[in-house]
Amino acid sequence: MLETKETDLEIIESEREDYYSDDDLFNINSWGADLSFRELITMYEEDELIKPEMQRNYVWDKAEASRFIETLLMGLPVPSIFLAKVGEDKLIVDGYQRIMTVFDFVRGTFQKDESIFKLSNSSKINNRWRGKAFNQLTSEEKKRIRSTTIHAIIFEQKHPDNSDTSLYQVFERINTGGRTLMPQEIRNCVYHNKVNQLLIELNRLPKWRTLYGNLQVEPRMKDIELILRFFTLKSEKVKTEDTTQISLKKALNLYMGKEEHNLPEYVEESNRVFCKTIDIIFDKLGENAFHNLNSKGEEFVPRFHPTIFDAIAIATANAIEKGVIDQFNSEKILEQRLLLLKDEDFKRYISERTTRIEHINGRIDLASKYLYGVSYV
């Protein structure tokens, strides 16, 4: 049985810092508004505050949430929140944990574990509220929580008029909470489309979860980002890119936002390709399919390796597309995989300048040749 702790992922140093900026200058209008938690709760319930396809994960623990509720009960000021106006909707850029903490406390259920939401029975909480649920507070205390106002900074982007990467940058730069959103969490907020729905569904596939190394989905969506990585790096745009190197973060954003990728027939085909690819890899290579060898080349390191994943997964999809997947020698594939991992060029392509087009296509091509005897490029 696999453990449900956070998956051990190989860190790709060349991808750790991936900042980019579009050439366009922003033209953004912003204004302030003091909103009560009563108003915010109503807006949330009536879908005026956008709820992503999969709710942005609530990450505060009970102690953090209790301290925030106590802050409101004590009448102390709380930090401002940021909202983005997109059409008639508003996206929560910064402040989701605060809004949802009050929402949960008032409704009586702590969403992280679906337990009754009572304030922590801890010396850190004032004795008069310690261990109490909302319905155990006095009428005055309940009113105090609902009527407390929080300053909201609302902004609306006028230029550029597309949101494929610019709104992502707004989220990334403005989101300053104690637990800043991860890149895929931001995409989950920005892109309310069929690609996002597909990624969430594919992430629940049992064989993918086993290959990833964790039966539970990652709360910070790193597993979903890897599936997006598969689709993005196998796309014709990246395969035939005429630049030397891509910004992986920007490429992932552009893939999710492209209208063509959200057409029903495209989504259906993407679903078929990923499912078949994962089935074959799981059946032929086993649970450690995306692990690397140790420095001595003698045994596998129990750590998911992103660039080995994209190389082997896209190579497998390539073999499916070329119709050779049923012709390869399945008895030799494990031996061929070892030879691949020991190939000096492959080792360089998966560890150095991994977002260079030459290295992306190079590692996929080598995986294609070693495992299935066909070229990729």
Protein backbone atom coordinates (compact mmCIF):
# COMPACT_ATOMS: atom_id res chain seq x y z
CA MET A 1 0.00 0.00 0.00
CA LEU A 2 1.44 3.37 -1.02
CA GLU A 3 1.83 6.03 1.61
CA THR A 4 -0.33 9.14 1.27
CA LYS A 5 2.36 11.63 2.16
CA GLU A 6 3.50 14.25 -0.35
CA THR A 7 5.21 12.61 -3.30
CA ASP A 8 9.00 12.77 -3.52
CA LEU A 9 9.66 14.61 -6.79
CA GLU A 10 13.04 15.07 -8.40
CA ILE A 11 13.94 18.77 -8.44
CA ILE A 12 15.05 19.96 -11.88
CA GLU A 13 17.38 22.85 -11.08
CA SER A 14 17.17 24.41 -14.55
CA GLU A 15 13.37 24.69 -14.15
CA ARG A 16 13.30 25.97 -10.58
CA GLU A 17 13.36 29.66 -11.52
CA ASP A 18 11.16 30.18 -14.55
CA TYR A 19 10.02 33.77 -14.63
CA TYR A 20 8.85 35.49 -17.75
CA SER A 21 7.20 38.73 -18.78
CA ASP A 22 5.07 39.45 -21.83
CA ASP A 23 6.02 42.33 -24.08
CA ASP A 24 2.65 44.04 -23.49
CA LEU A 25 2.32 46.72 -20.85
CA PHE A 26 -0.63 46.34 -18.51
CA ASN A 27 -3.49 48.82 -18.28
CA ILE A 28 -5.33 47.95 -15.10
CA ASN A 29 -8.05 49.84 -13.26
CA SER A 30 -8.29 49.25 -9.53
CA TRP A 31 -10.50 50.47 -6.72
CA GLY A 32 -11.13 49.71 -3.08
CA ALA A 33 -14.25 48.47 -1.31
CA ASP A 34 -14.95 47.52 2.27
CA LEU A 35 -16.95 44.29 2.25
CA SER A 36 -18.45 42.59 5.27
CA PHE A 37 -18.03 38.86 5.70
CA ARG A 38 -21.83 38.66 5.47
CA GLU A 39 -21.57 40.08 1.93
CA LEU A 40 -18.62 37.86 0.99
CA ILE A 41 -20.39 34.71 2.20
CA THR A 42 -23.49 35.63 0.19
CA MET A 43 -21.39 36.39 -2.90
CA TYR A 44 -19.67 33.03 -2.55
CA GLU A 45 -22.93 31.12 -2.12
CA GLU A 46 -24.46 32.87 -5.15
CA ASP A 47 -21.42 32.23 -7.37
CA GLU A 48 -20.44 35.89 -7.66
CA LEU A 49 -17.01 34.85 -6.42
CA ILE A 50 -15.73 32.32 -8.94
CA LYS A 51 -15.20 28.83 -7.65
CA PRO A 52 -12.62 26.98 -9.79
CA GLU A 53 -13.53 23.63 -11.41
CA MET A 54 -11.87 21.94 -8.46
CA GLN A 55 -12.03 24.17 -5.41
CA ARG A 56 -8.73 25.78 -4.68
CA ASN A 57 -7.47 23.64 -1.86
CA TYR A 58 -7.95 24.92 1.66
CA VAL A 59 -4.60 24.59 3.41
CA TRP A 60 -4.94 26.23 6.82
CA ASP A 61 -4.97 23.86 9.76
CA LYS A 62 -7.48 24.17 12.61
CA ALA A 63 -5.06 26.21 14.75
CA GLU A 64 -4.48 28.79 11.98
CA ALA A 65 -8.19 29.02 11.24
CA SER A 66 -9.05 29.40 14.94
CA ARG A 67 -6.56 32.23 15.37
CA PHE A 68 -8.14 34.09 12.46
CA ILE A 69 -11.67 33.72 13.87
CA GLU A 70 -10.38 34.91 17.24
CA THR A 71 -8.89 37.96 15.50
CA LEU A 72 -12.36 38.87 14.22
CA LEU A 73 -13.97 38.29 17.61
CA MET A 74 -11.38 40.56 19.22
CA GLY A 75 -12.13 43.32 16.71
CA LEU A 76 -8.58 43.45 15.38
CA PRO A 77 -7.90 44.56 11.77
CA VAL A 78 -7.18 41.94 9.11
CA PRO A 79 -5.14 42.24 5.89
CA SER A 80 -6.78 43.31 2.62
CA ILE A 81 -7.88 40.82 -0.01
CA PHE A 82 -7.42 41.08 -3.79
CA LEU A 83 -10.23 40.36 -6.25
CA ALA A 84 -9.97 40.38 -10.05
CA LYS A 85 -13.03 41.42 -12.09
CA VAL A 86 -13.31 39.24 -15.19
CA GLY A 87 -16.52 39.99 -17.04
CA GLU A 88 -19.31 39.77 -14.49
CA ASP A 89 -17.32 37.46 -12.23
CA LYS A 90 -14.77 38.09 -9.52
CA LEU A 91 -11.77 35.85 -8.92
CA ILE A 92 -10.20 35.62 -5.47
CA VAL A 93 -6.55 36.41 -6.10
CA ASP A 94 -5.48 36.75 -2.49
CA GLY A 95 -7.63 36.03 0.55
CA TYR A 96 -9.21 32.66 -0.17
CA GLN A 97 -8.12 31.12 3.14
CA ARG A 98 -9.60 34.01 5.11
CA ILE A 99 -12.91 34.01 3.27
CA MET A 100 -13.32 30.25 3.45
CA THR A 101 -12.37 30.14 7.14
CA VAL A 102 -15.28 32.44 8.02
CA PHE A 103 -17.59 30.65 5.56
CA ASP A 104 -16.79 27.29 7.17
CA PHE A 105 -17.06 28.57 10.73
CA VAL A 106 -20.48 30.10 10.12
CA ARG A 107 -21.82 26.96 8.40
CA GLY A 108 -20.28 24.81 11.16
CA THR A 109 -18.10 22.41 9.16
CA PHE A 110 -14.32 22.54 8.76
CA GLN A 111 -13.92 21.64 5.08
CA LYS A 112 -10.41 20.24 5.39
CA ASP A 113 -11.63 17.16 7.26
CA GLU A 114 -15.42 17.73 7.34
CA SER A 115 -15.37 17.83 11.14
CA ILE A 116 -17.50 20.11 13.30
CA PHE A 117 -15.74 23.48 13.24
CA LYS A 118 -14.95 24.32 16.84
CA LEU A 119 -12.20 26.74 17.77
CA SER A 120 -9.04 25.05 19.01
CA ASN A 121 -9.07 24.03 22.65
CA SER A 122 -5.67 25.63 23.06
CA SER A 123 -4.08 28.16 25.36
CA LYS A 124 -3.43 30.26 22.23
CA ILE A 125 -7.17 30.95 22.00
CA ASN A 126 -8.91 33.22 24.50
CA ASN A 127 -10.64 31.13 27.14
CA ARG A 128 -14.06 32.68 26.47
CA TRP A 129 -14.09 31.19 22.91
CA ARG A 130 -11.91 28.14 23.36
CA GLY A 131 -13.52 24.96 21.94
CA LYS A 132 -16.69 26.78 20.80
CA ALA A 133 -18.57 26.41 17.52
CA PHE A 134 -20.34 29.32 15.83
CA ASN A 135 -23.76 28.29 17.17
CA GLN A 136 -22.34 28.41 20.71
CA LEU A 137 -21.41 32.08 20.47
CA THR A 138 -23.63 34.87 21.78
CA SER A 139 -25.84 36.77 19.33
CA GLU A 140 -23.52 39.77 19.63
CA GLU A 141 -20.44 37.64 18.84
CA LYS A 142 -22.12 36.07 15.82
CA LYS A 143 -23.09 39.53 14.55
CA ARG A 144 -19.52 40.76 15.11
CA ILE A 145 -18.11 38.06 12.83
CA ARG A 146 -20.68 38.57 10.08
CA SER A 147 -20.45 42.36 10.15
CA THR A 148 -16.67 42.62 10.30
CA THR A 149 -15.47 44.35 7.14
CA ILE A 150 -12.35 43.51 5.19
CA HIS A 151 -10.85 45.87 2.66
CA ALA A 152 -10.94 44.48 -0.87
CA ILE A 153 -8.73 45.80 -3.64
CA ILE A 154 -10.56 45.04 -6.89
CA PHE A 155 -8.79 45.32 -10.22
CA GLU A 156 -9.86 44.94 -13.82
CA GLN A 157 -7.44 44.41 -16.69
CA LYS A 158 -8.14 46.64 -19.70
CA HIS A 159 -5.02 45.78 -21.71
CA PRO A 160 -3.92 43.37 -22.98
CA ASP A 161 -7.44 42.10 -23.62
CA ASN A 162 -6.41 38.42 -23.60
CA SER A 163 -5.84 36.44 -20.42
CA ASP A 164 -3.76 33.54 -21.70
CA THR A 165 -0.68 34.49 -19.72
CA SER A 166 -1.20 38.06 -18.45
CA LEU A 167 -3.87 37.23 -15.87
CA TYR A 168 -1.62 34.39 -14.70
CA GLN A 169 1.14 36.94 -14.06
CA VAL A 170 -1.24 39.17 -12.12
CA PHE A 171 -2.12 36.23 -9.86
CA GLU A 172 1.50 35.23 -9.48
CA ARG A 173 2.73 38.71 -8.55
CA ILE A 174 -0.13 39.86 -6.33
CA ASN A 175 -0.79 36.64 -4.44
CA THR A 176 1.19 37.24 -1.27
CA GLY A 177 -0.56 35.12 1.35
CA GLY A 178 1.30 33.05 3.92
CA ARG A 179 1.07 30.06 1.54
CA THR A 180 1.52 31.49 -1.94
CA LEU A 181 -0.28 29.61 -4.70
CA MET A 182 1.66 27.11 -6.76
CA PRO A 183 1.66 27.60 -10.57
CA GLN A 184 -1.00 24.96 -11.28
CA GLU A 185 -3.22 26.32 -8.51
CA ILE A 186 -3.12 29.68 -10.29
CA ARG A 187 -3.99 28.03 -13.63
CA ASN A 188 -6.88 26.28 -11.90
CA CYS A 189 -8.21 29.72 -10.98
CA VAL A 190 -7.55 31.42 -14.31
CA TYR A 191 -8.63 28.77 -16.84
CA HIS A 192 -12.22 27.65 -16.38
CA ASN A 193 -12.30 25.39 -19.42
CA LYS A 194 -12.40 21.83 -20.73
CA VAL A 195 -8.63 21.35 -20.50
CA ASN A 196 -8.77 22.09 -16.78
CA GLN A 197 -11.66 19.62 -16.35
CA LEU A 198 -9.75 16.96 -18.30
CA LEU A 199 -6.58 17.35 -16.23
CA ILE A 200 -8.54 16.96 -13.00
CA GLU A 201 -10.26 13.81 -14.28
CA LEU A 202 -7.06 12.23 -15.64
CA ASN A 203 -5.30 12.91 -12.35
CA ARG A 204 -7.65 10.45 -10.64
CA LEU A 205 -6.73 7.49 -12.88
CA PRO A 206 -5.63 4.62 -10.57
CA LYS A 207 -2.66 3.59 -12.74
CA TRP A 208 -1.45 7.19 -12.98
CA ARG A 209 -1.73 7.59 -9.21
CA THR A 210 0.40 4.47 -8.71
CA LEU A 211 3.00 5.60 -11.24
CA TYR A 212 3.06 9.03 -9.60
CA GLY A 213 3.70 7.39 -6.26
CA ASN A 214 0.77 8.64 -4.22
CA LEU A 215 -2.80 7.30 -4.16
CA GLN A 216 -4.10 10.66 -2.96
CA VAL A 217 -4.16 13.72 -5.21
CA GLU A 218 -1.64 16.42 -4.36
CA PRO A 219 -3.28 19.36 -2.57
CA ARG A 220 -0.93 21.77 -4.37
CA MET A 221 -1.67 20.25 -7.83
CA LYS A 222 1.89 19.30 -8.75
CA ASP A 223 0.58 16.01 -10.14
CA ILE A 224 -1.91 17.81 -12.39
CA GLU A 225 0.86 20.06 -13.69
CA LEU A 226 2.83 16.98 -14.79
CA ILE A 227 -0.10 15.79 -16.92
CA LEU A 228 -0.28 19.26 -18.47
CA ARG A 229 3.47 19.00 -19.08
CA PHE A 230 2.88 15.79 -21.07
CA PHE A 231 0.35 17.44 -23.39
CA THR A 232 2.35 20.65 -23.76
CA LEU A 233 5.74 19.15 -24.57
CA LYS A 234 4.26 16.69 -27.08
CA SER A 235 2.39 19.45 -28.92
CA GLU A 236 3.47 20.45 -32.42
CA LYS A 237 4.12 23.99 -31.20
CA VAL A 238 6.90 22.80 -28.90
CA LYS A 239 8.13 20.02 -31.17
CA THR A 240 8.65 22.44 -34.07
CA GLU A 241 9.52 25.53 -32.01
CA ASP A 242 12.11 27.67 -33.81
CA THR A 243 13.47 29.27 -30.66
CA THR A 244 16.36 27.83 -28.67
CA GLN A 245 14.56 27.54 -25.36
CA ILE A 246 11.03 27.85 -24.01
CA SER A 247 9.65 29.22 -20.78
CA LEU A 248 7.96 26.09 -19.50
CA LYS A 249 5.62 28.08 -17.29
CA LYS A 250 4.44 30.22 -20.20
CA ALA A 251 4.12 27.20 -22.52
CA LEU A 252 1.88 25.44 -19.97
CA ASN A 253 -0.28 28.57 -19.66
CA LEU A 254 -0.63 28.94 -23.41
CA TYR A 255 -1.58 25.28 -23.85
CA MET A 256 -4.40 25.54 -21.30
CA GLY A 257 -5.75 28.76 -22.79
CA LYS A 258 -5.66 27.79 -26.47
CA GLU A 259 -9.18 27.58 -27.92
CA GLU A 260 -8.35 24.59 -30.15
CA HIS A 261 -7.30 22.49 -27.15
CA ASN A 262 -10.72 23.04 -25.55
CA LEU A 263 -12.76 21.74 -28.48
CA PRO A 264 -14.76 18.61 -27.48
CA GLU A 265 -13.14 16.39 -30.12
CA TYR A 266 -9.64 17.54 -29.12
CA VAL A 267 -10.35 16.91 -25.44
CA GLU A 268 -11.76 13.46 -26.22
CA GLU A 269 -8.66 12.53 -28.23
CA SER A 270 -6.35 13.87 -25.52
CA ASN A 271 -8.17 11.75 -22.96
CA ARG A 272 -7.79 8.63 -25.13
CA VAL A 273 -4.06 9.19 -25.76
CA PHE A 274 -3.16 9.80 -22.11
CA CYS A 275 -5.18 6.85 -20.82
CA LYS A 276 -3.69 4.43 -23.35
CA THR A 277 -0.17 5.78 -22.76
CA ILE A 278 -0.44 5.31 -18.99
CA ASP A 279 -1.96 1.82 -19.38
CA ILE A 280 0.95 0.65 -21.55
CA ILE A 281 3.65 2.17 -19.34
CA PHE A 282 2.10 0.73 -16.19
CA ASP A 283 1.74 -2.74 -17.72
CA LYS A 284 5.18 -2.89 -19.38
CA LEU A 285 7.47 -0.85 -17.13
CA GLY A 286 5.78 -1.07 -13.73
CA GLU A 287 5.49 1.28 -10.78
CA ASN A 288 9.03 2.69 -11.07
CA ALA A 289 8.64 3.62 -14.75
CA PHE A 290 9.53 7.26 -14.11
CA HIS A 291 12.35 6.73 -11.60
CA ASN A 292 16.06 7.25 -12.29
CA LEU A 293 19.01 5.03 -11.42
CA ASN A 294 21.30 5.92 -8.54
CA SER A 295 24.77 7.32 -9.19
CA LYS A 296 26.22 3.81 -9.47
CA GLY A 297 23.56 2.79 -11.97
CA GLU A 298 22.69 -0.26 -9.87
CA GLU A 299 19.21 0.42 -8.47
CA PHE A 300 16.28 2.79 -8.83
CA VAL A 301 15.86 5.88 -6.69
CA PRO A 302 12.26 5.96 -5.35
CA ARG A 303 11.58 9.46 -6.63
CA PHE A 304 9.36 10.63 -9.50
CA HIS A 305 11.54 12.26 -12.16
CA PRO A 306 9.67 14.86 -14.31
CA THR A 307 12.00 14.81 -17.33
CA ILE A 308 12.16 11.00 -17.40
CA PHE A 309 8.37 11.07 -17.24
CA ASP A 310 7.95 13.41 -20.18
CA ALA A 311 10.56 11.51 -22.23
CA ILE A 312 9.08 8.03 -21.71
CA ALA A 313 5.43 9.09 -21.74
CA ILE A 314 5.68 11.14 -24.93
CA ALA A 315 7.85 8.44 -26.57
CA THR A 316 5.10 5.93 -25.76
CA ALA A 317 2.42 8.22 -27.18
CA ASN A 318 4.60 8.61 -30.28
CA ALA A 319 4.81 4.81 -30.68
CA ILE A 320 1.02 4.57 -30.34
CA GLU A 321 0.55 7.25 -32.99
CA LYS A 322 2.96 5.49 -35.39
CA GLY A 323 1.19 2.17 -34.88
CA VAL A 324 4.23 0.27 -33.59
CA ILE A 325 3.20 -0.13 -30.00
CA ASP A 326 2.03 -3.72 -30.51
CA GLN A 327 5.16 -4.70 -32.43
CA PHE A 328 7.91 -3.94 -29.91
CA ASN A 329 9.56 -6.73 -27.95
CA SER A 330 7.92 -6.44 -24.54
CA GLU A 331 10.43 -8.88 -23.04
CA LYS A 332 13.30 -6.53 -23.79
CA ILE A 333 11.69 -3.24 -22.85
CA LEU A 334 12.93 -3.33 -19.23
CA GLU A 335 16.47 -4.02 -20.44
CA GLN A 336 16.17 -1.23 -23.02
CA ARG A 337 14.93 1.17 -20.35
CA LEU A 338 18.11 0.51 -18.31
CA LEU A 339 20.26 1.21 -21.36
CA LEU A 340 18.32 4.43 -21.94
CA LEU A 341 18.90 5.66 -18.40
CA LYS A 342 22.63 4.93 -18.73
CA ASP A 343 22.96 6.74 -22.06
CA GLU A 344 25.22 9.78 -21.52
CA ASP A 345 23.27 12.01 -23.91
CA PHE A 346 19.99 11.06 -22.23
CA LYS A 347 21.43 11.81 -18.78
CA ARG A 348 22.46 15.25 -20.04
CA TYR A 349 19.08 15.94 -21.68
CA ILE A 350 17.13 15.14 -18.48
CA SER A 351 19.32 17.19 -16.15
CA GLU A 352 20.86 20.13 -18.01
CA ARG A 353 18.96 23.00 -19.63
CA THR A 354 15.89 20.82 -19.72
CA THR A 355 13.70 23.45 -21.41
CA ARG A 356 15.97 23.80 -24.44
CA ILE A 357 14.13 22.53 -27.52
CA GLU A 358 17.15 20.41 -28.46
CA HIS A 359 17.11 18.71 -25.05
CA ILE A 360 13.32 18.26 -24.92
CA ASN A 361 13.16 16.62 -28.34
CA GLY A 362 16.49 14.87 -27.75
CA ARG A 363 15.39 12.97 -24.65
CA ILE A 364 12.04 12.02 -26.23
CA ASP A 365 13.78 10.84 -29.39
CA LEU A 366 16.24 8.66 -27.45
CA ALA A 367 13.40 7.15 -25.41
CA SER A 368 11.50 6.43 -28.63
CA LYS A 369 14.49 4.70 -30.22
CA TYR A 370 15.54 2.68 -27.18
CA LEU A 371 12.07 1.52 -26.14
CA TYR A 372 10.18 1.25 -29.41
CA GLY A 373 12.74 1.41 -32.22
CA VAL A 374 11.24 4.52 -33.87
CA SER A 375 12.34 8.12 -34.19
CA TYR A 376 10.55 11.10 -32.71
CA VAL A 377 12.19 13.95 -34.59
